[in-house]
Amino acid sequence: MALRKIQSEMVSNVANIGFNTGTAFTSLSVVGTLNTGILSATTIFGAIPSAANFASVYSTYNELSGSYITNNYNGDVTILGSLSVLGDITYIDTAVTVTSALSVINLGTGPALVINQKGSQPIANFLDDDVSSLYIADGGNVGINTTNPLARFTVNGAISSSGNITTSTFFISGGRDLSQIIRDNYSDVPTTYTTFHGVANKTLPYSSTRPFSANWDLNNYQSATLFLSAGNALLRNPTNQVAGGTYVLFVRTLSGNALLSFDSLYRFPNSAPPTVSQGASAVDIFSFLSDGQYMYGTAVQNFTYA
């Protein structure tokens, strides 16, 4: 009879019910030990032990302070359903394991994922079968297939691009020329591929003694200008030729009776170097193609410098 009376009061009374307490702050307030087989509730404060015995309840209500006191709970917790958390989550142990895909969906504002590394440790390390695939070092350097990115972006392996690659500086370690690397790997690239050294035009200086001579460093200047005055001048053998490289020489005559001879590595049709145009403001243009040893040239002559 006593049990039926309590059940009747629990069903008919819409007020909060308290056991072993004079004040019930929730629909059901229990001060003491709660033993149950199956517990079903809309909202449960605190974690629920997977065992049926609630001898040590995870969260209890403090009637004096009106707040929930969090107790330590040692053991596994299984939640069958969704878990909503209002506030931050702090993981004491850093290993988080998921049995399915981990999806981060942001329905609010700001980035969907923010990683803020404090201190001098790496920012992130993404592994594939325990091998690093994407590594972000302290300071922001990014490594692909390497955990030691020495530059802002370091790739250990080949790079493939379906679009343009734009850079202000292009450097190949090992001292190999870019045109040679391309020709070694792609047989259909013509051997006349031009590597641009220094495209800016350079005025070649003369030696201080007669006969006047000029040196042409092709590594710094693919295009050069030579001013001729009365007398003989010699264009010495060039330095730093590149096989397949093309080079242009502008010869401008400042006064009449100027002669220009070419050193042994310059080759012209019929082994006959052209005679430079005479007269003030005359301009000749010599174009050369290098095979890595000789400079094969042709001339377009008798322009007038305005």
Foldseek 3Di string as FASTA:
>chain_A
DVVVVVVVCLVPPQDADEDPDPDGPDNYAYDAFDADQDDDDPDDPAADAPDRGVNPPQWHADPVVRDIDGDDDDDDGDDDDDDDDDDDDDDPDDDDDDPDDDDQDDPDDDDSDDFDDPDQAWRDFDDDPNFTQWTAGRPQQIEGRDNDRPDNYYYDDDDDDPDDDDDPDDDDPPPDDPLVVCCVVDVPDDQLDADQQADDEAEWDWDPDPPTETEAECNRYLEYEYEWEADEYEYEDYPDDDGNHKGKYKYFYQAFNTFYDYDDQEAEPVRDDDTADGGHQWIKMWMWHDRPGHTYIDIDTGDGHD
